[in-house]
PDB file of all heavy atoms in Angstrom:
ATOM      1  N   ARG A   1      12.992  -0.660  13.767  1.00  0.00           N
ATOM      2  CA  ARG A   1      12.835   0.366  12.659  1.00  0.00           C
ATOM      3  C   ARG A   1      11.461   0.959  12.628  1.00  0.00           C
ATOM      4  O   ARG A   1      11.245   1.796  11.766  1.00  0.00           O
ATOM      5  CB  ARG A   1      13.201  -0.380  11.375  1.00  0.00           C
ATOM      6  CG  ARG A   1      14.622  -0.709  11.097  1.00  0.00           C
ATOM      7  CD  ARG A   1      14.890  -1.095   9.711  1.00  0.00           C
ATOM      8  NE  ARG A   1      14.511  -0.070   8.737  1.00  0.00           N
ATOM      9  CZ  ARG A   1      14.394  -0.249   7.468  1.00  0.00           C
ATOM     10  NH1 ARG A   1      14.556  -1.468   6.945  1.00  0.00           N
ATOM     11  NH2 ARG A   1      14.157   0.747   6.635  1.00  0.00           N
ATOM     12  N   GLY A   2      10.579   0.522  13.481  1.00  0.00           N
ATOM     13  CA  GLY A   2       9.235   1.143  13.437  1.00  0.00           C
ATOM     14  C   GLY A   2       8.480   0.540  12.216  1.00  0.00           C
ATOM     15  O   GLY A   2       8.620  -0.663  11.827  1.00  0.00           O
ATOM     16  N   GLU A   3       7.619   1.418  11.657  1.00  0.00           N
ATOM     17  CA  GLU A   3       6.793   0.986  10.495  1.00  0.00           C
ATOM     18  C   GLU A   3       7.600   0.700   9.205  1.00  0.00           C
ATOM     19  O   GLU A   3       8.373   1.572   8.835  1.00  0.00           O
ATOM     20  CB  GLU A   3       5.704   2.002  10.234  1.00  0.00           C
ATOM     21  CG  GLU A   3       4.694   1.584   9.162  1.00  0.00           C
ATOM     22  CD  GLU A   3       3.591   2.593   9.000  1.00  0.00           C
ATOM     23  OE1 GLU A   3       3.045   3.013  10.036  1.00  0.00           O
ATOM     24  OE2 GLU A   3       3.300   2.956   7.821  1.00  0.00           O
ATOM     25  N   LEU A   4       7.412  -0.464   8.665  1.00  0.00           N
ATOM     26  CA  LEU A   4       8.165  -0.844   7.405  1.00  0.00           C
ATOM     27  C   LEU A   4       7.316  -0.723   6.231  1.00  0.00           C
ATOM     28  O   LEU A   4       7.807  -0.380   5.144  1.00  0.00           O
ATOM     29  CB  LEU A   4       8.697  -2.292   7.589  1.00  0.00           C
ATOM     30  CG  LEU A   4       9.624  -2.610   8.712  1.00  0.00           C
ATOM     31  CD1 LEU A   4      10.014  -4.065   8.709  1.00  0.00           C
ATOM     32  CD2 LEU A   4      10.889  -1.754   8.579  1.00  0.00           C
ATOM     33  N   ALA A   5       6.047  -1.000   6.301  1.00  0.00           N
ATOM     34  CA  ALA A   5       5.174  -0.995   5.169  1.00  0.00           C
ATOM     35  C   ALA A   5       3.696  -0.918   5.606  1.00  0.00           C
ATOM     36  O   ALA A   5       3.354  -1.319   6.685  1.00  0.00           O
ATOM     37  CB  ALA A   5       5.359  -2.219   4.274  1.00  0.00           C
ATOM     38  N   GLU A   6       2.892  -0.391   4.691  1.00  0.00           N
ATOM     39  CA  GLU A   6       1.386  -0.278   4.922  1.00  0.00           C
ATOM     40  C   GLU A   6       0.700  -0.656   3.667  1.00  0.00           C
ATOM     41  O   GLU A   6       1.047  -0.165   2.582  1.00  0.00           O
ATOM     42  CB  GLU A   6       1.023   1.106   5.391  1.00  0.00           C
ATOM     43  CG  GLU A   6      -0.464   1.265   5.677  1.00  0.00           C
ATOM     44  CD  GLU A   6      -0.873   2.651   6.083  1.00  0.00           C
ATOM     45  OE1 GLU A   6      -0.091   3.630   5.818  1.00  0.00           O
ATOM     46  OE2 GLU A   6      -1.920   2.821   6.649  1.00  0.00           O
ATOM     47  N   LEU A   7      -0.294  -1.514   3.780  1.00  0.00           N
ATOM     48  CA  LEU A   7      -1.107  -1.941   2.671  1.00  0.00           C
ATOM     49  C   LEU A   7      -2.531  -1.590   2.951  1.00  0.00           C
ATOM     50  O   LEU A   7      -3.074  -2.024   4.026  1.00  0.00           O
ATOM     51  CB  LEU A   7      -0.941  -3.431   2.401  1.00  0.00           C
ATOM     52  CG  LEU A   7      -1.801  -4.040   1.311  1.00  0.00           C
ATOM     53  CD1 LEU A   7      -1.407  -3.487  -0.052  1.00  0.00           C
ATOM     54  CD2 LEU A   7      -1.686  -5.592   1.306  1.00  0.00           C
ATOM     55  N   ILE A   8      -3.175  -0.803   2.111  1.00  0.00           N
ATOM     56  CA  ILE A   8      -4.569  -0.484   2.284  1.00  0.00           C
ATOM     57  C   ILE A   8      -5.367  -1.099   1.118  1.00  0.00           C
ATOM     58  O   ILE A   8      -5.023  -0.909  -0.061  1.00  0.00           O
ATOM     59  CB  ILE A   8      -4.785   1.077   2.285  1.00  0.00           C
ATOM     60  CG1 ILE A   8      -3.960   1.770   3.338  1.00  0.00           C
ATOM     61  CG2 ILE A   8      -6.282   1.401   2.434  1.00  0.00           C
ATOM     62  CD1 ILE A   8      -4.323   1.410   4.750  1.00  0.00           C
ATOM     63  N   ILE A   9      -6.413  -1.884   1.489  1.00  0.00           N
ATOM     64  CA  ILE A   9      -7.214  -2.540   0.494  1.00  0.00           C
ATOM     65  C   ILE A   9      -8.672  -2.074   0.553  1.00  0.00           C
ATOM     66  O   ILE A   9      -9.271  -2.172   1.684  1.00  0.00           O
ATOM     67  CB  ILE A   9      -7.146  -4.063   0.716  1.00  0.00           C
ATOM     68  CG1 ILE A   9      -5.701  -4.550   0.662  1.00  0.00           C
ATOM     69  CG2 ILE A   9      -7.925  -4.790  -0.409  1.00  0.00           C
ATOM     70  CD1 ILE A   9      -5.561  -5.991   1.126  1.00  0.00           C
ATOM     71  N   THR A  10      -9.219  -1.653  -0.493  1.00  0.00           N
ATOM     72  CA  THR A  10     -10.672  -1.268  -0.540  1.00  0.00           C
ATOM     73  C   THR A  10     -11.319  -2.131  -1.619  1.00  0.00           C
ATOM     74  O   THR A  10     -10.627  -2.851  -2.333  1.00  0.00           O
ATOM     75  CB  THR A  10     -10.831   0.243  -0.953  1.00  0.00           C
ATOM     76  OG1 THR A  10     -10.446   0.385  -2.308  1.00  0.00           O
ATOM     77  CG2 THR A  10     -10.001   1.139  -0.031  1.00  0.00           C
ATOM     78  N   PRO A  11     -12.629  -2.084  -1.739  1.00  0.00           N
ATOM     79  CA  PRO A  11     -13.270  -2.937  -2.772  1.00  0.00           C
ATOM     80  C   PRO A  11     -12.853  -2.588  -4.220  1.00  0.00           C
ATOM     81  O   PRO A  11     -13.024  -3.417  -5.114  1.00  0.00           O
ATOM     82  CB  PRO A  11     -14.737  -2.610  -2.568  1.00  0.00           C
ATOM     83  CG  PRO A  11     -14.830  -2.249  -1.127  1.00  0.00           C
ATOM     84  CD  PRO A  11     -13.639  -1.464  -0.829  1.00  0.00           C
ATOM     85  N   THR A  12     -12.257  -1.403  -4.417  1.00  0.00           N
ATOM     86  CA  THR A  12     -11.883  -1.040  -5.787  1.00  0.00           C
ATOM     87  C   THR A  12     -10.391  -0.967  -6.069  1.00  0.00           C
ATOM     88  O   THR A  12     -10.004  -0.805  -7.224  1.00  0.00           O
ATOM     89  CB  THR A  12     -12.506   0.313  -6.158  1.00  0.00           C
ATOM     90  OG1 THR A  12     -12.032   1.325  -5.223  1.00  0.00           O
ATOM     91  CG2 THR A  12     -14.065   0.194  -6.070  1.00  0.00           C
ATOM     92  N   ALA A  13      -9.540  -0.898  -4.993  1.00  0.00           N
ATOM     93  CA  ALA A  13      -8.131  -0.694  -5.250  1.00  0.00           C
ATOM     94  C   ALA A  13      -7.315  -1.147  -4.011  1.00  0.00           C
ATOM     95  O   ALA A  13      -7.833  -1.364  -2.981  1.00  0.00           O
ATOM     96  CB  ALA A  13      -7.805   0.769  -5.553  1.00  0.00           C
ATOM     97  N   ALA A  14      -6.005  -1.322  -4.291  1.00  0.00           N
ATOM     98  CA  ALA A  14      -5.119  -1.631  -3.184  1.00  0.00           C
ATOM     99  C   ALA A  14      -3.899  -0.636  -3.328  1.00  0.00           C
ATOM    100  O   ALA A  14      -3.422  -0.351  -4.426  1.00  0.00           O
ATOM    101  CB  ALA A  14      -4.626  -3.039  -3.262  1.00  0.00           C
ATOM    102  N   THR A  15      -3.404  -0.168  -2.209  1.00  0.00           N
ATOM    103  CA  THR A  15      -2.273   0.757  -2.147  1.00  0.00           C
ATOM    104  C   THR A  15      -1.224   0.251  -1.159  1.00  0.00           C
ATOM    105  O   THR A  15      -1.549  -0.055  -0.008  1.00  0.00           O
ATOM    106  CB  THR A  15      -2.680   2.204  -1.724  1.00  0.00           C
ATOM    107  OG1 THR A  15      -3.745   2.630  -2.655  1.00  0.00           O
ATOM    108  CG2 THR A  15      -1.546   3.159  -1.840  1.00  0.00           C
ATOM    109  N   ILE A  16       0.027   0.241  -1.607  1.00  0.00           N
ATOM    110  CA  ILE A  16       1.119  -0.119  -0.723  1.00  0.00           C
ATOM    111  C   ILE A  16       2.050   1.052  -0.578  1.00  0.00           C
ATOM    112  O   ILE A  16       2.311   1.754  -1.537  1.00  0.00           O
ATOM    113  CB  ILE A  16       1.865  -1.362  -1.214  1.00  0.00           C
ATOM    114  CG1 ILE A  16       2.754  -1.934  -0.126  1.00  0.00           C
ATOM    115  CG2 ILE A  16       2.647  -1.107  -2.495  1.00  0.00           C
ATOM    116  CD1 ILE A  16       3.343  -3.328  -0.451  1.00  0.00           C
ATOM    117  N   LYS A  17       2.495   1.302   0.700  1.00  0.00           N
ATOM    118  CA  LYS A  17       3.479   2.391   0.991  1.00  0.00           C
ATOM    119  C   LYS A  17       4.693   1.750   1.625  1.00  0.00           C
ATOM    120  O   LYS A  17       4.643   1.074   2.614  1.00  0.00           O
ATOM    121  CB  LYS A  17       2.832   3.383   1.977  1.00  0.00           C
ATOM    122  CG  LYS A  17       1.561   4.069   1.412  1.00  0.00           C
ATOM    123  CD  LYS A  17       0.938   4.923   2.495  1.00  0.00           C
ATOM    124  CE  LYS A  17      -0.376   5.532   2.032  1.00  0.00           C
ATOM    125  NZ  LYS A  17      -0.916   6.399   3.117  1.00  0.00           N
ATOM    126  N   VAL A  18       5.880   1.953   0.980  1.00  0.00           N
ATOM    127  CA  VAL A  18       7.126   1.404   1.447  1.00  0.00           C
ATOM    128  C   VAL A  18       8.199   2.449   1.201  1.00  0.00           C
ATOM    129  O   VAL A  18       8.373   2.912   0.086  1.00  0.00           O
ATOM    130  CB  VAL A  18       7.457   0.094   0.708  1.00  0.00           C
ATOM    131  CG1 VAL A  18       8.731  -0.457   1.205  1.00  0.00           C
ATOM    132  CG2 VAL A  18       6.325  -0.943   0.838  1.00  0.00           C
ATOM    133  N   ASP A  19       8.964   2.775   2.263  1.00  0.00           N
ATOM    134  CA  ASP A  19      10.076   3.672   2.193  1.00  0.00           C
ATOM    135  C   ASP A  19       9.803   4.906   1.389  1.00  0.00           C
ATOM    136  O   ASP A  19      10.543   5.386   0.490  1.00  0.00           O
ATOM    137  CB  ASP A  19      11.251   2.944   1.496  1.00  0.00           C
ATOM    138  CG  ASP A  19      11.874   1.895   2.314  1.00  0.00           C
ATOM    139  OD1 ASP A  19      11.682   1.925   3.597  1.00  0.00           O
ATOM    140  OD2 ASP A  19      12.590   1.023   1.828  1.00  0.00           O
ATOM    141  N   GLY A  20       8.658   5.517   1.662  1.00  0.00           N
ATOM    142  CA  GLY A  20       8.226   6.769   1.051  1.00  0.00           C
ATOM    143  C   GLY A  20       7.611   6.619  -0.348  1.00  0.00           C
ATOM    144  O   GLY A  20       7.177   7.626  -0.881  1.00  0.00           O
ATOM    145  N   GLU A  21       7.629   5.426  -0.885  1.00  0.00           N
ATOM    146  CA  GLU A  21       7.002   5.176  -2.165  1.00  0.00           C
ATOM    147  C   GLU A  21       5.550   4.670  -2.052  1.00  0.00           C
ATOM    148  O   GLU A  21       5.345   3.844  -1.166  1.00  0.00           O
ATOM    149  CB  GLU A  21       7.866   4.169  -2.968  1.00  0.00           C
ATOM    150  CG  GLU A  21       7.233   3.889  -4.318  1.00  0.00           C
ATOM    151  CD  GLU A  21       8.029   2.776  -5.097  1.00  0.00           C
ATOM    152  OE1 GLU A  21       8.909   2.120  -4.489  1.00  0.00           O
ATOM    153  OE2 GLU A  21       7.759   2.571  -6.266  1.00  0.00           O
ATOM    154  N   GLN A  22       4.701   5.102  -2.813  1.00  0.00           N
ATOM    155  CA  GLN A  22       3.313   4.657  -2.812  1.00  0.00           C
ATOM    156  C   GLN A  22       2.940   4.170  -4.197  1.00  0.00           C
ATOM    157  O   GLN A  22       3.062   4.858  -5.155  1.00  0.00           O
ATOM    158  CB  GLN A  22       2.345   5.746  -2.361  1.00  0.00           C
ATOM    159  CG  GLN A  22       0.904   5.395  -2.327  1.00  0.00           C
ATOM    160  CD  GLN A  22       0.042   6.503  -1.706  1.00  0.00           C
ATOM    161  OE1 GLN A  22       0.350   6.947  -0.576  1.00  0.00           O
ATOM    162  NE2 GLN A  22      -0.963   6.900  -2.406  1.00  0.00           N
ATOM    163  N   VAL A  23       2.389   2.907  -4.224  1.00  0.00           N
ATOM    164  CA  VAL A  23       1.998   2.321  -5.484  1.00  0.00           C
ATOM    165  C   VAL A  23       0.534   1.777  -5.317  1.00  0.00           C
ATOM    166  O   VAL A  23       0.189   1.197  -4.327  1.00  0.00           O
ATOM    167  CB  VAL A  23       2.921   1.132  -5.860  1.00  0.00           C
ATOM    168  CG1 VAL A  23       2.446   0.455  -7.217  1.00  0.00           C
ATOM    169  CG2 VAL A  23       4.323   1.644  -5.975  1.00  0.00           C
ATOM    170  N   GLN A  24      -0.307   2.017  -6.306  1.00  0.00           N
ATOM    171  CA  GLN A  24      -1.658   1.542  -6.324  1.00  0.00           C
ATOM    172  C   GLN A  24      -1.951   0.596  -7.465  1.00  0.00           C
ATOM    173  O   GLN A  24      -1.323   0.660  -8.511  1.00  0.00           O
ATOM    174  CB  GLN A  24      -2.622   2.788  -6.436  1.00  0.00           C
ATOM    175  CG  GLN A  24      -4.101   2.435  -6.229  1.00  0.00           C
ATOM    176  CD  GLN A  24      -4.979   3.698  -6.219  1.00  0.00           C
ATOM    177  OE1 GLN A  24      -5.138   4.366  -7.245  1.00  0.00           O
ATOM    178  NE2 GLN A  24      -5.454   4.079  -5.013  1.00  0.00           N
ATOM    179  N   SER A  25      -2.890  -0.348  -7.170  1.00  0.00           N
ATOM    180  CA  SER A  25      -3.217  -1.347  -8.222  1.00  0.00           C
ATOM    181  C   SER A  25      -4.733  -1.721  -7.983  1.00  0.00           C
ATOM    182  O   SER A  25      -5.253  -1.608  -6.813  1.00  0.00           O
ATOM    183  CB  SER A  25      -2.357  -2.595  -8.042  1.00  0.00           C
ATOM    184  OG  SER A  25      -2.838  -3.667  -8.837  1.00  0.00           O
ATOM    185  N   PRO A  26      -5.424  -2.115  -9.022  1.00  0.00           N
ATOM    186  CA  PRO A  26      -6.805  -2.632  -8.807  1.00  0.00           C
ATOM    187  C   PRO A  26      -6.867  -3.917  -7.927  1.00  0.00           C
ATOM    188  O   PRO A  26      -7.923  -4.152  -7.391  1.00  0.00           O
ATOM    189  CB  PRO A  26      -7.280  -2.900 -10.225  1.00  0.00           C
ATOM    190  CG  PRO A  26      -6.377  -2.155 -11.114  1.00  0.00           C
ATOM    191  CD  PRO A  26      -5.034  -2.152 -10.431  1.00  0.00           C
ATOM    192  N   SER A  27      -5.775  -4.661  -7.869  1.00  0.00           N
ATOM    193  CA  SER A  27      -5.782  -5.956  -7.192  1.00  0.00           C
ATOM    194  C   SER A  27      -4.788  -6.026  -6.137  1.00  0.00           C
ATOM    195  O   SER A  27      -3.584  -5.777  -6.407  1.00  0.00           O
ATOM    196  CB  SER A  27      -5.536  -7.073  -8.214  1.00  0.00           C
ATOM    197  OG  SER A  27      -5.143  -8.270  -7.567  1.00  0.00           O
ATOM    198  N   ALA A  28      -5.161  -6.300  -4.891  1.00  0.00           N
ATOM    199  CA  ALA A  28      -4.227  -6.476  -3.810  1.00  0.00           C
ATOM    200  C   ALA A  28      -3.336  -7.699  -4.036  1.00  0.00           C
ATOM    201  O   ALA A  28      -2.095  -7.636  -3.743  1.00  0.00           O
ATOM    202  CB  ALA A  28      -5.021  -6.672  -2.514  1.00  0.00           C
TER     203      ALA A  28
END
C-alpha cells in the first residue's frame, strides 16, 4: 500500500498525516 502514515515532531508541535487527514497537537 505504500505510505500509510507520517508523523512530524518539532520542539513545539507534532503532526500526524493518515489517509489524507492531518492532525496537530503540542505533544507527540
